[in-house]
Amino acid sequence: MSIANEEEVLEYLTDVMRRDGFDETDNIKFSDSFKAAELLGKHYGLFSDGHAQGAGEVVILDNIPDEVNADKS
């Protein structure tokens, strides 16, 4: 028996969250779907402070002409 790789785990959690491929006999509860969604959200960093505030990549734009920078030194 081999260990599940990351893709297999993410596919399984997605199936549980969406209740895809399961029937009534599998007895997937709402709490199971919620927990799968929580684990996927944590994996993708959806609950971090930076993501919640919509923080993106920081870009520093130096648009001050070189002669102004030279005067300051």
PDB file of N, CA and C in Angstrom:
ATOM      1  N   MET A   1       0.851  -1.175   0.000  1.00  0.00           N
ATOM      2  CA  MET A   1       0.000   0.000   0.000  1.00  0.00           C
ATOM      3  C   MET A   1       0.896   1.237   0.000  1.00  0.00           C
ATOM      4  N   SER A   2       0.570   2.191  -0.843  1.00  0.00           N
ATOM      5  CA  SER A   2       1.384   3.397  -0.932  1.00  0.00           C
ATOM      6  C   SER A   2       0.685   4.569  -0.223  1.00  0.00           C
ATOM      7  N   ILE A   3       1.464   5.567   0.082  1.00  0.00           N
ATOM      8  CA  ILE A   3       0.951   6.755   0.753  1.00  0.00           C
ATOM      9  C   ILE A   3       0.334   7.676  -0.294  1.00  0.00           C
ATOM     10  N   ALA A   4      -0.800   8.256   0.033  1.00  0.00           N
ATOM     11  CA  ALA A   4      -1.481   9.166  -0.890  1.00  0.00           C
ATOM     12  C   ALA A   4      -0.629  10.411  -1.101  1.00  0.00           C
ATOM     13  N   ASN A   5      -0.564  10.869  -2.355  1.00  0.00           N
ATOM     14  CA  ASN A   5       0.177  12.098  -2.624  1.00  0.00           C
ATOM     15  C   ASN A   5      -0.741  13.303  -2.408  1.00  0.00           C
ATOM     16  N   GLU A   6      -0.171  14.491  -2.534  1.00  0.00           N
ATOM     17  CA  GLU A   6      -0.924  15.719  -2.252  1.00  0.00           C
ATOM     18  C   GLU A   6      -2.154  15.850  -3.148  1.00  0.00           C
ATOM     19  N   GLU A   7      -2.004  15.535  -4.418  1.00  0.00           N
ATOM     20  CA  GLU A   7      -3.133  15.664  -5.350  1.00  0.00           C
ATOM     21  C   GLU A   7      -4.284  14.742  -4.966  1.00  0.00           C
ATOM     22  N   GLU A   8      -3.968  13.518  -4.559  1.00  0.00           N
ATOM     23  CA  GLU A   8      -5.012  12.580  -4.139  1.00  0.00           C
ATOM     24  C   GLU A   8      -5.762  13.086  -2.912  1.00  0.00           C
ATOM     25  N   VAL A   9      -5.027  13.627  -1.955  1.00  0.00           N
ATOM     26  CA  VAL A   9      -5.648  14.145  -0.734  1.00  0.00           C
ATOM     27  C   VAL A   9      -6.557  15.328  -1.064  1.00  0.00           C
ATOM     28  N   LEU A  10      -6.078  16.243  -1.901  1.00  0.00           N
ATOM     29  CA  LEU A  10      -6.885  17.408  -2.266  1.00  0.00           C
ATOM     30  C   LEU A  10      -8.129  16.995  -3.049  1.00  0.00           C
ATOM     31  N   GLU A  11      -8.001  16.007  -3.930  1.00  0.00           N
ATOM     32  CA  GLU A  11      -9.168  15.513  -4.676  1.00  0.00           C
ATOM     33  C   GLU A  11     -10.186  14.881  -3.733  1.00  0.00           C
ATOM     34  N   TYR A  12      -9.700  14.097  -2.775  1.00  0.00           N
ATOM     35  CA  TYR A  12     -10.612  13.460  -1.823  1.00  0.00           C
ATOM     36  C   TYR A  12     -11.349  14.500  -0.983  1.00  0.00           C
ATOM     37  N   LEU A  13     -10.607  15.488  -0.460  1.00  0.00           N
ATOM     38  CA  LEU A  13     -11.241  16.536   0.342  1.00  0.00           C
ATOM     39  C   LEU A  13     -12.258  17.325  -0.474  1.00  0.00           C
ATOM     40  N   THR A  14     -11.947  17.579  -1.735  1.00  0.00           N
ATOM     41  CA  THR A  14     -12.885  18.283  -2.611  1.00  0.00           C
ATOM     42  C   THR A  14     -14.146  17.448  -2.823  1.00  0.00           C
ATOM     43  N   ASP A  15     -13.988  16.151  -3.024  1.00  0.00           N
ATOM     44  CA  ASP A  15     -15.152  15.262  -3.196  1.00  0.00           C
ATOM     45  C   ASP A  15     -16.019  15.239  -1.942  1.00  0.00           C
ATOM     46  N   VAL A  16     -15.392  15.178  -0.777  1.00  0.00           N
ATOM     47  CA  VAL A  16     -16.153  15.170   0.476  1.00  0.00           C
ATOM     48  C   VAL A  16     -16.872  16.502   0.660  1.00  0.00           C
ATOM     49  N   MET A  17     -16.170  17.604   0.387  1.00  0.00           N
ATOM     50  CA  MET A  17     -16.775  18.924   0.538  1.00  0.00           C
ATOM     51  C   MET A  17     -18.004  19.058  -0.361  1.00  0.00           C
ATOM     52  N   ARG A  18     -17.878  18.595  -1.607  1.00  0.00           N
ATOM     53  CA  ARG A  18     -18.984  18.696  -2.574  1.00  0.00           C
ATOM     54  C   ARG A  18     -19.952  17.526  -2.501  1.00  0.00           C
ATOM     55  N   ARG A  19     -19.582  16.502  -1.721  1.00  0.00           N
ATOM     56  CA  ARG A  19     -20.353  15.260  -1.609  1.00  0.00           C
ATOM     57  C   ARG A  19     -20.488  14.565  -2.959  1.00  0.00           C
ATOM     58  N   ASP A  20     -19.455  14.689  -3.788  1.00  0.00           N
ATOM     59  CA  ASP A  20     -19.426  14.043  -5.102  1.00  0.00           C
ATOM     60  C   ASP A  20     -18.995  12.589  -4.957  1.00  0.00           C
ATOM     61  N   GLY A  21     -19.674  11.721  -5.664  1.00  0.00           N
ATOM     62  CA  GLY A  21     -19.308  10.313  -5.670  1.00  0.00           C
ATOM     63  C   GLY A  21     -19.744   9.543  -4.445  1.00  0.00           C
ATOM     64  N   PHE A  22     -20.542  10.136  -3.607  1.00  0.00           N
ATOM     65  CA  PHE A  22     -21.030   9.457  -2.403  1.00  0.00           C
ATOM     66  C   PHE A  22     -22.541   9.307  -2.516  1.00  0.00           C
ATOM     67  N   ASP A  23     -23.067   8.241  -1.961  1.00  0.00           N
ATOM     68  CA  ASP A  23     -24.524   8.087  -1.929  1.00  0.00           C
ATOM     69  C   ASP A  23     -24.996   8.090  -0.481  1.00  0.00           C
ATOM     70  N   GLU A  24     -26.268   7.863  -0.282  1.00  0.00           N
ATOM     71  CA  GLU A  24     -26.849   7.929   1.070  1.00  0.00           C
ATOM     72  C   GLU A  24     -26.226   6.914   2.029  1.00  0.00           C
ATOM     73  N   THR A  25     -25.743   5.795   1.512  1.00  0.00           N
ATOM     74  CA  THR A  25     -25.163   4.772   2.384  1.00  0.00           C
ATOM     75  C   THR A  25     -23.789   5.181   2.907  1.00  0.00           C
ATOM     76  N   ASP A  26     -23.127   6.132   2.245  1.00  0.00           N
ATOM     77  CA  ASP A  26     -21.814   6.585   2.710  1.00  0.00           C
ATOM     78  C   ASP A  26     -21.920   7.487   3.930  1.00  0.00           C
ATOM     79  N   ASN A  27     -23.105   8.066   4.131  1.00  0.00           N
ATOM     80  CA  ASN A  27     -23.390   8.832   5.347  1.00  0.00           C
ATOM     81  C   ASN A  27     -22.414   9.994   5.564  1.00  0.00           C
ATOM     82  N   ILE A  28     -22.193  10.795   4.510  1.00  0.00           N
ATOM     83  CA  ILE A  28     -21.358  11.990   4.638  1.00  0.00           C
ATOM     84  C   ILE A  28     -22.198  13.075   5.307  1.00  0.00           C
ATOM     85  N   LYS A  29     -21.750  13.496   6.486  1.00  0.00           N
ATOM     86  CA  LYS A  29     -22.497  14.505   7.244  1.00  0.00           C
ATOM     87  C   LYS A  29     -22.072  15.908   6.817  1.00  0.00           C
ATOM     88  N   PHE A  30     -22.920  16.892   7.152  1.00  0.00           N
ATOM     89  CA  PHE A  30     -22.593  18.283   6.864  1.00  0.00           C
ATOM     90  C   PHE A  30     -21.285  18.667   7.554  1.00  0.00           C
ATOM     91  N   SER A  31     -21.072  18.181   8.753  1.00  0.00           N
ATOM     92  CA  SER A  31     -19.843  18.515   9.481  1.00  0.00           C
ATOM     93  C   SER A  31     -18.608  17.969   8.756  1.00  0.00           C
ATOM     94  N   ASP A  32     -18.749  16.827   8.068  1.00  0.00           N
ATOM     95  CA  ASP A  32     -17.640  16.286   7.283  1.00  0.00           C
ATOM     96  C   ASP A  32     -17.329  17.198   6.100  1.00  0.00           C
ATOM     97  N   SER A  33     -18.384  17.673   5.431  1.00  0.00           N
ATOM     98  CA  SER A  33     -18.202  18.580   4.292  1.00  0.00           C
ATOM     99  C   SER A  33     -17.575  19.891   4.747  1.00  0.00           C
ATOM    100  N   PHE A  34     -18.038  20.398   5.890  1.00  0.00           N
ATOM    101  CA  PHE A  34     -17.510  21.647   6.427  1.00  0.00           C
ATOM    102  C   PHE A  34     -16.038  21.496   6.801  1.00  0.00           C
ATOM    103  N   LYS A  35     -15.687  20.398   7.425  1.00  0.00           N
ATOM    104  CA  LYS A  35     -14.301  20.159   7.832  1.00  0.00           C
ATOM    105  C   LYS A  35     -13.400  20.040   6.603  1.00  0.00           C
ATOM    106  N   ALA A  36     -13.880  19.371   5.556  1.00  0.00           N
ATOM    107  CA  ALA A  36     -13.104  19.250   4.323  1.00  0.00           C
ATOM    108  C   ALA A  36     -12.875  20.636   3.717  1.00  0.00           C
ATOM    109  N   ALA A  37     -13.903  21.485   3.720  1.00  0.00           N
ATOM    110  CA  ALA A  37     -13.769  22.842   3.195  1.00  0.00           C
ATOM    111  C   ALA A  37     -12.765  23.632   4.030  1.00  0.00           C
ATOM    112  N   GLU A  38     -12.808  23.453   5.332  1.00  0.00           N
ATOM    113  CA  GLU A  38     -11.871  24.144   6.222  1.00  0.00           C
ATOM    114  C   GLU A  38     -10.434  23.720   5.930  1.00  0.00           C
ATOM    115  N   LEU A  39     -10.207  22.425   5.772  1.00  0.00           N
ATOM    116  CA  LEU A  39      -8.862  21.928   5.493  1.00  0.00           C
ATOM    117  C   LEU A  39      -8.352  22.425   4.144  1.00  0.00           C
ATOM    118  N   LEU A  40      -9.221  22.448   3.152  1.00  0.00           N
ATOM    119  CA  LEU A  40      -8.828  22.980   1.844  1.00  0.00           C
ATOM    120  C   LEU A  40      -8.508  24.474   1.942  1.00  0.00           C
ATOM    121  N   GLY A  41      -9.327  25.212   2.679  1.00  0.00           N
ATOM    122  CA  GLY A  41      -9.077  26.643   2.863  1.00  0.00           C
ATOM    123  C   GLY A  41      -7.751  26.901   3.538  1.00  0.00           C
ATOM    124  N   LYS A  42      -7.424  26.110   4.535  1.00  0.00           N
ATOM    125  CA  LYS A  42      -6.135  26.260   5.220  1.00  0.00           C
ATOM    126  C   LYS A  42      -4.993  25.932   4.274  1.00  0.00           C
ATOM    127  N   HIS A  43      -5.168  24.890   3.456  1.00  0.00           N
ATOM    128  CA  HIS A  43      -4.128  24.508   2.503  1.00  0.00           C
ATOM    129  C   HIS A  43      -3.829  25.648   1.542  1.00  0.00           C
ATOM    130  N   TYR A  44      -4.871  26.323   1.072  1.00  0.00           N
ATOM    131  CA  TYR A  44      -4.705  27.407   0.116  1.00  0.00           C
ATOM    132  C   TYR A  44      -4.472  28.765   0.777  1.00  0.00           C
ATOM    133  N   GLY A  45      -4.397  28.811   2.105  1.00  0.00           N
ATOM    134  CA  GLY A  45      -4.111  30.055   2.822  1.00  0.00           C
ATOM    135  C   GLY A  45      -5.243  31.058   2.759  1.00  0.00           C
ATOM    136  N   LEU A  46      -6.462  30.587   2.679  1.00  0.00           N
ATOM    137  CA  LEU A  46      -7.608  31.484   2.552  1.00  0.00           C
ATOM    138  C   LEU A  46      -7.931  32.225   3.836  1.00  0.00           C
ATOM    139  N   PHE A  47      -7.411  31.763   4.969  1.00  0.00           N
ATOM    140  CA  PHE A  47      -7.779  32.367   6.248  1.00  0.00           C
ATOM    141  C   PHE A  47      -6.653  33.201   6.846  1.00  0.00           C
ATOM    142  N   SER A  48      -5.601  33.457   6.090  1.00  0.00           N
ATOM    143  CA  SER A  48      -4.499  34.267   6.607  1.00  0.00           C
ATOM    144  C   SER A  48      -4.881  35.743   6.536  1.00  0.00           C
ATOM    145  N   ASP A  49      -4.252  36.554   7.357  1.00  0.00           N
ATOM    146  CA  ASP A  49      -4.561  37.982   7.405  1.00  0.00           C
ATOM    147  C   ASP A  49      -4.334  38.658   6.064  1.00  0.00           C
ATOM    148  N   GLY A  50      -3.259  38.318   5.387  1.00  0.00           N
ATOM    149  CA  GLY A  50      -2.961  38.940   4.113  1.00  0.00           C
ATOM    150  C   GLY A  50      -4.014  38.645   3.064  1.00  0.00           C
ATOM    151  N   HIS A  51      -4.524  37.436   3.061  1.00  0.00           N
ATOM    152  CA  HIS A  51      -5.546  37.062   2.081  1.00  0.00           C
ATOM    153  C   HIS A  51      -6.873  37.732   2.405  1.00  0.00           C
ATOM    154  N   ALA A  52      -7.222  37.799   3.670  1.00  0.00           N
ATOM    155  CA  ALA A  52      -8.510  38.363   4.064  1.00  0.00           C
ATOM    156  C   ALA A  52      -8.599  39.848   3.721  1.00  0.00           C
ATOM    157  N   GLN A  53      -7.478  40.546   3.752  1.00  0.00           N
ATOM    158  CA  GLN A  53      -7.476  41.972   3.468  1.00  0.00           C
ATOM    159  C   GLN A  53      -7.254  42.256   1.991  1.00  0.00           C
ATOM    160  N   GLY A  54      -7.122  41.220   1.199  1.00  0.00           N
ATOM    161  CA  GLY A  54      -6.927  41.413  -0.226  1.00  0.00           C
ATOM    162  C   GLY A  54      -5.529  41.908  -0.573  1.00  0.00           C
ATOM    163  N   ALA A  55      -4.576  41.617   0.296  1.00  0.00           N
ATOM    164  CA  ALA A  55      -3.210  42.068   0.048  1.00  0.00           C
ATOM    165  C   ALA A  55      -2.622  41.307  -1.123  1.00  0.00           C
ATOM    166  N   GLY A  56      -1.982  42.031  -1.995  1.00  0.00           N
ATOM    167  CA  GLY A  56      -1.338  41.412  -3.139  1.00  0.00           C
ATOM    168  C   GLY A  56       0.158  41.613  -3.063  1.00  0.00           C
ATOM    169  N   GLU A  57       0.782  41.466  -4.188  1.00  0.00           N
ATOM    170  CA  GLU A  57       2.217  41.651  -4.282  1.00  0.00           C
ATOM    171  C   GLU A  57       2.555  43.131  -4.102  1.00  0.00           C
ATOM    172  N   VAL A  58       3.599  43.404  -3.342  1.00  0.00           N
ATOM    173  CA  VAL A  58       4.029  44.779  -3.125  1.00  0.00           C
ATOM    174  C   VAL A  58       4.989  45.173  -4.238  1.00  0.00           C
ATOM    175  N   VAL A  59       4.702  46.293  -4.906  1.00  0.00           N
ATOM    176  CA  VAL A  59       5.563  46.799  -5.970  1.00  0.00           C
ATOM    177  C   VAL A  59       6.020  48.193  -5.570  1.00  0.00           C
ATOM    178  N   ILE A  60       7.333  48.399  -5.544  1.00  0.00           N
ATOM    179  CA  ILE A  60       7.888  49.710  -5.217  1.00  0.00           C
ATOM    180  C   ILE A  60       8.258  50.385  -6.527  1.00  0.00           C
ATOM    181  N   LEU A  61       7.668  51.525  -6.763  1.00  0.00           N
ATOM    182  CA  LEU A  61       7.884  52.270  -8.002  1.00  0.00           C
ATOM    183  C   LEU A  61       8.741  53.487  -7.696  1.00  0.00           C
ATOM    184  N   ASP A  62       9.940  53.527  -8.276  1.00  0.00           N
ATOM    185  CA  ASP A  62      10.835  54.676  -8.103  1.00  0.00           C
ATOM    186  C   ASP A  62      10.632  55.597  -9.291  1.00  0.00           C
ATOM    187  N   ASN A  63       9.759  56.578  -9.130  1.00  0.00           N
ATOM    188  CA  ASN A  63       9.465  57.493 -10.222  1.00  0.00           C
ATOM    189  C   ASN A  63       9.998  58.904  -9.965  1.00  0.00           C
ATOM    190  N   ILE A  64      10.943  59.010  -9.031  1.00  0.00           N
ATOM    191  CA  ILE A  64      11.563  60.303  -8.738  1.00  0.00           C
ATOM    192  C   ILE A  64      12.789  60.428  -9.641  1.00  0.00           C
ATOM    193  N   PRO A  65      12.912  61.527 -10.385  1.00  0.00           N
ATOM    194  CA  PRO A  65      14.048  61.699 -11.299  1.00  0.00           C
ATOM    195  C   PRO A  65      15.378  61.609 -10.555  1.00  0.00           C
ATOM    196  N   ASP A  66      16.418  61.145 -11.232  1.00  0.00           N
ATOM    197  CA  ASP A  66      17.737  60.953 -10.626  1.00  0.00           C
ATOM    198  C   ASP A  66      18.324  62.244 -10.078  1.00  0.00           C
ATOM    199  N   GLU A  67      18.067  63.403 -10.734  1.00  0.00           N
ATOM    200  CA  GLU A  67      18.647  64.654 -10.233  1.00  0.00           C
ATOM    201  C   GLU A  67      18.074  65.040  -8.872  1.00  0.00           C
ATOM    202  N   VAL A  68      16.829  64.688  -8.562  1.00  0.00           N
ATOM    203  CA  VAL A  68      16.245  64.958  -7.240  1.00  0.00           C
ATOM    204  C   VAL A  68      16.904  64.064  -6.207  1.00  0.00           C
ATOM    205  N   ASN A  69      17.133  62.800  -6.549  1.00  0.00           N
ATOM    206  CA  ASN A  69      17.797  61.874  -5.637  1.00  0.00           C
ATOM    207  C   ASN A  69      19.230  62.307  -5.366  1.00  0.00           C
ATOM    208  N   ALA A  70      19.910  62.867  -6.359  1.00  0.00           N
ATOM    209  CA  ALA A  70      21.300  63.300  -6.211  1.00  0.00           C
ATOM    210  C   ALA A  70      21.390  64.486  -5.259  1.00  0.00           C
ATOM    211  N   ASP A  71      20.389  65.386  -5.244  1.00  0.00           N
ATOM    212  CA  ASP A  71      20.382  66.546  -4.353  1.00  0.00           C
ATOM    213  C   ASP A  71      20.278  66.170  -2.882  1.00  0.00           C
ATOM    214  N   LYS A  72      19.711  64.994  -2.595  1.00  0.00           N
ATOM    215  CA  LYS A  72      19.482  64.591  -1.213  1.00  0.00           C
ATOM    216  C   LYS A  72      20.722  63.983  -0.576  1.00  0.00           C
ATOM    217  N   SER A  73      21.746  63.637  -1.359  1.00  0.00           N
ATOM    218  CA  SER A  73      22.915  62.980  -0.767  1.00  0.00           C
ATOM    219  C   SER A  73      24.003  63.928  -0.365  1.00  0.00           C
TER     220      SER A  73
END
